[in-house]
Amino acid sequence: MKIVLAFDSFKGSLSAQAACEVARKALSSVIPSCHVVLKPMADGGEGTARTMLALLGGRWVPVRVMGPLHGRSVKAGFVWFPKSRTALVEMASASGLTLLRRNERNPLKTTTYGTGMLLDAAIRKGARRIWLAVGGSATVDGGVGAAMALGWRFLDAQSMQIGLGGGELDRVAAIVPPPRRRT
């Protein structure tokens, strides 16, 4: 008998790989003769980078960035595929819901700025292509924080830079692109 286990992560408790392993051990103890195949899955949220790394190889590039709340840094990073010069940035690693305690979950205050910092790090690494997995976010800023980290300016009616977080979006009166990057 062949059994394929294809689990996604269990938010905040088990990675997709760990969930598959737990189920494999349980099945093997009940049906020792079965052949169990593990196929961890990801839906674009937390665990996507780890799953793609296991599937495609590459290497993890650690980067300390701003977390979903201004003033808090987190250990995040991206997957680097050197042959294709492709980076996989997982928004949840920098701006994810699982990085917050329940009482901190306020999308009017959370930001994607850290995700922009990861994108910038991938660009600086020399990425020709970037895959952005956007699931698991704790934010509703529409990527404005990420764009700010990449040099975009979002100004209010008095030409002042708006703050971070979804609660600032209604203040945007003008958007100023950054100077063209040379990479």
Protein backbone atom coordinates (compact mmCIF):
# COMPACT_ATOMS: atom_id res chain seq x y z
CA MET A 1 0.00 0.00 0.00
CA LYS A 2 1.28 3.46 -0.92
CA ILE A 3 0.06 6.51 1.00
CA VAL A 4 0.90 10.09 -0.03
CA LEU A 5 0.86 12.69 2.75
CA ALA A 6 0.52 16.26 1.49
CA PHE A 7 -0.02 18.64 4.40
CA ASP A 8 0.24 22.39 4.61
CA SER A 9 1.52 23.90 7.85
CA PHE A 10 -0.69 24.17 10.91
CA LYS A 11 -0.47 27.89 11.62
CA GLY A 12 1.75 28.59 14.60
CA SER A 13 2.21 24.96 15.63
CA LEU A 14 3.59 22.59 12.96
CA SER A 15 5.46 23.14 9.73
CA ALA A 16 4.23 21.24 6.68
CA GLN A 17 7.25 18.93 6.91
CA ALA A 18 6.67 18.27 10.64
CA ALA A 19 2.96 17.53 10.04
CA CYS A 20 3.87 15.03 7.33
CA GLU A 21 6.44 13.39 9.63
CA VAL A 22 3.96 13.06 12.52
CA ALA A 23 1.40 11.43 10.23
CA ARG A 24 4.05 9.15 8.68
CA LYS A 25 5.12 7.88 12.11
CA ALA A 26 1.50 7.27 13.13
CA LEU A 27 0.69 5.40 9.89
CA SER A 28 3.88 3.35 10.04
CA SER A 29 3.09 2.26 13.59
CA VAL A 30 -0.40 1.07 12.55
CA ILE A 31 0.43 -0.23 9.04
CA PRO A 32 4.14 -1.13 9.11
CA SER A 33 4.16 -2.48 5.53
CA CYS A 34 2.84 0.70 3.90
CA HIS A 35 5.05 2.90 1.75
CA VAL A 36 4.56 6.51 2.85
CA VAL A 37 5.54 9.39 0.55
CA LEU A 38 5.87 12.85 2.06
CA LYS A 39 4.92 15.86 -0.08
CA PRO A 40 4.81 18.94 2.18
CA MET A 41 2.66 21.67 0.65
CA ALA A 42 2.44 25.44 0.98
CA ASP A 43 -0.19 27.95 -0.01
CA GLY A 44 1.97 31.05 -0.15
CA GLY A 45 1.89 31.70 3.60
CA GLU A 46 4.28 30.69 6.36
CA GLY A 47 6.30 27.63 5.41
CA THR A 48 6.31 28.36 1.67
CA ALA A 49 10.00 29.27 1.63
CA ARG A 50 10.98 26.20 3.66
CA THR A 51 8.87 23.95 1.43
CA MET A 52 10.32 25.38 -1.79
CA LEU A 53 13.83 25.13 -0.37
CA ALA A 54 13.29 21.43 0.38
CA LEU A 55 11.77 20.85 -3.07
CA LEU A 56 14.12 22.88 -5.29
CA GLY A 57 17.32 23.21 -3.27
CA GLY A 58 19.01 26.57 -3.11
CA ARG A 59 20.01 28.17 0.16
CA TRP A 60 18.52 30.29 2.89
CA VAL A 61 19.83 33.87 3.13
CA PRO A 62 19.10 35.24 6.63
CA VAL A 63 18.20 38.92 6.95
CA ARG A 64 17.15 40.86 10.05
CA VAL A 65 14.27 43.14 9.10
CA MET A 66 11.43 45.13 10.61
CA GLY A 67 8.60 42.88 11.76
CA PRO A 68 4.92 43.56 11.26
CA LEU A 69 5.03 46.24 13.96
CA HIS A 70 7.21 49.35 13.66
CA GLY A 71 10.14 49.21 16.08
CA ARG A 72 10.36 45.42 16.25
CA SER A 73 12.91 43.47 14.26
CA VAL A 74 12.64 39.82 13.29
CA LYS A 75 14.98 37.19 11.89
CA ALA A 76 13.66 36.59 8.40
CA GLY A 77 15.31 35.87 5.08
CA PHE A 78 14.73 34.56 1.61
CA VAL A 79 15.52 31.49 -0.47
CA TRP A 80 18.26 32.01 -3.04
CA PHE A 81 18.49 29.88 -6.17
CA PRO A 82 21.95 30.79 -7.49
CA LYS A 83 21.79 29.12 -10.91
CA SER A 84 18.76 31.13 -11.99
CA ARG A 85 19.57 34.12 -9.75
CA THR A 86 16.04 33.85 -8.39
CA ALA A 87 14.93 34.76 -4.87
CA LEU A 88 11.81 33.57 -3.10
CA VAL A 89 10.59 36.07 -0.52
CA GLU A 90 7.92 34.85 1.90
CA MET A 91 5.93 37.80 3.25
CA ALA A 92 4.92 35.82 6.35
CA SER A 93 8.56 35.61 7.50
CA ALA A 94 8.73 39.41 7.92
CA SER A 95 5.14 40.65 8.03
CA GLY A 96 3.27 37.56 9.15
CA LEU A 97 0.40 37.02 11.51
CA THR A 98 2.30 34.33 13.44
CA LEU A 99 4.90 36.94 14.46
CA LEU A 100 2.33 38.73 16.61
CA ARG A 101 0.65 37.95 19.90
CA ARG A 102 -3.14 37.92 19.73
CA ASN A 103 -3.44 41.35 21.39
CA GLU A 104 -1.04 42.86 18.81
CA ARG A 105 -3.11 41.89 15.78
CA ASN A 106 -4.24 45.29 14.54
CA PRO A 107 -4.01 45.66 10.75
CA LEU A 108 -4.28 49.43 11.08
CA LYS A 109 -0.85 49.40 12.77
CA THR A 110 0.93 46.52 11.02
CA THR A 111 3.18 47.03 8.01
CA THR A 112 4.81 45.24 5.09
CA TYR A 113 7.98 47.35 5.47
CA GLY A 114 10.03 44.28 6.49
CA THR A 115 8.91 42.47 3.36
CA GLY A 116 10.24 45.41 1.34
CA MET A 117 13.53 45.09 3.21
CA LEU A 118 13.69 41.43 2.11
CA LEU A 119 12.94 42.42 -1.48
CA ASP A 120 15.72 45.02 -1.30
CA ALA A 121 18.15 42.43 0.10
CA ALA A 122 17.28 40.06 -2.77
CA ILE A 123 17.84 42.83 -5.31
CA ARG A 124 21.19 43.67 -3.71
CA LYS A 125 22.09 39.97 -3.88
CA GLY A 126 21.66 40.22 -7.65
CA ALA A 127 18.26 38.61 -8.17
CA ARG A 128 17.08 38.71 -11.75
CA ARG A 129 13.71 37.29 -10.72
CA ILE A 130 11.88 37.45 -7.40
CA TRP A 131 8.98 35.25 -6.40
CA LEU A 132 6.88 36.87 -3.68
CA ALA A 133 4.67 34.57 -1.60
CA VAL A 134 2.06 36.84 0.02
CA GLY A 135 0.03 34.52 2.26
CA GLY A 136 -0.04 34.68 6.04
CA SER A 137 0.24 38.45 6.20
CA ALA A 138 -0.79 40.42 9.28
CA THR A 139 -1.24 43.54 7.18
CA VAL A 140 -3.70 45.50 5.08
CA ASP A 141 -1.36 48.26 3.93
CA GLY A 142 -1.57 47.13 0.30
CA GLY A 143 2.22 46.80 0.09
CA VAL A 144 2.77 50.50 0.84
CA GLY A 145 5.23 49.61 3.62
CA ALA A 146 7.18 47.35 1.26
CA ALA A 147 7.26 50.08 -1.37
CA MET A 148 8.53 52.55 1.25
CA ALA A 149 11.40 50.20 2.05
CA LEU A 150 12.24 50.24 -1.66
CA GLY A 151 12.37 54.04 -1.74
CA TRP A 152 8.83 55.02 -2.73
CA ARG A 153 7.38 57.99 -0.87
CA PHE A 154 3.73 58.31 0.10
CA LEU A 155 2.84 61.88 0.96
CA ASP A 156 -0.15 63.45 2.67
CA ALA A 157 -1.90 66.67 1.60
CA GLN A 158 0.87 68.73 3.27
CA SER A 159 3.59 66.82 1.33
CA MET A 160 4.68 65.01 4.50
CA GLN A 161 5.54 61.29 4.49
CA ILE A 162 2.71 59.18 5.93
CA GLY A 163 3.39 56.69 8.72
CA LEU A 164 3.46 52.93 8.59
CA GLY A 165 0.40 50.71 8.82
CA GLY A 166 -2.93 50.23 7.13
CA GLY A 167 -4.45 53.05 9.18
CA GLU A 168 -2.34 55.58 7.27
CA LEU A 169 -3.61 54.76 3.78
CA ASP A 170 -6.44 57.28 3.82
CA ARG A 171 -3.84 60.05 4.20
CA VAL A 172 -2.09 59.33 0.86
CA ALA A 173 -2.40 62.34 -1.45
CA ALA A 174 0.66 61.76 -3.65
CA ILE A 175 3.03 58.93 -4.54
CA VAL A 176 6.64 59.68 -5.48
CA PRO A 177 8.70 56.92 -7.11
CA PRO A 178 12.33 56.43 -6.11
CA PRO A 179 15.19 57.39 -8.40
CA ARG A 180 15.89 54.59 -10.90
CA ARG A 181 18.00 51.83 -9.33
CA ARG A 182 21.17 50.60 -10.90
CA THR A 183 21.61 46.89 -10.25
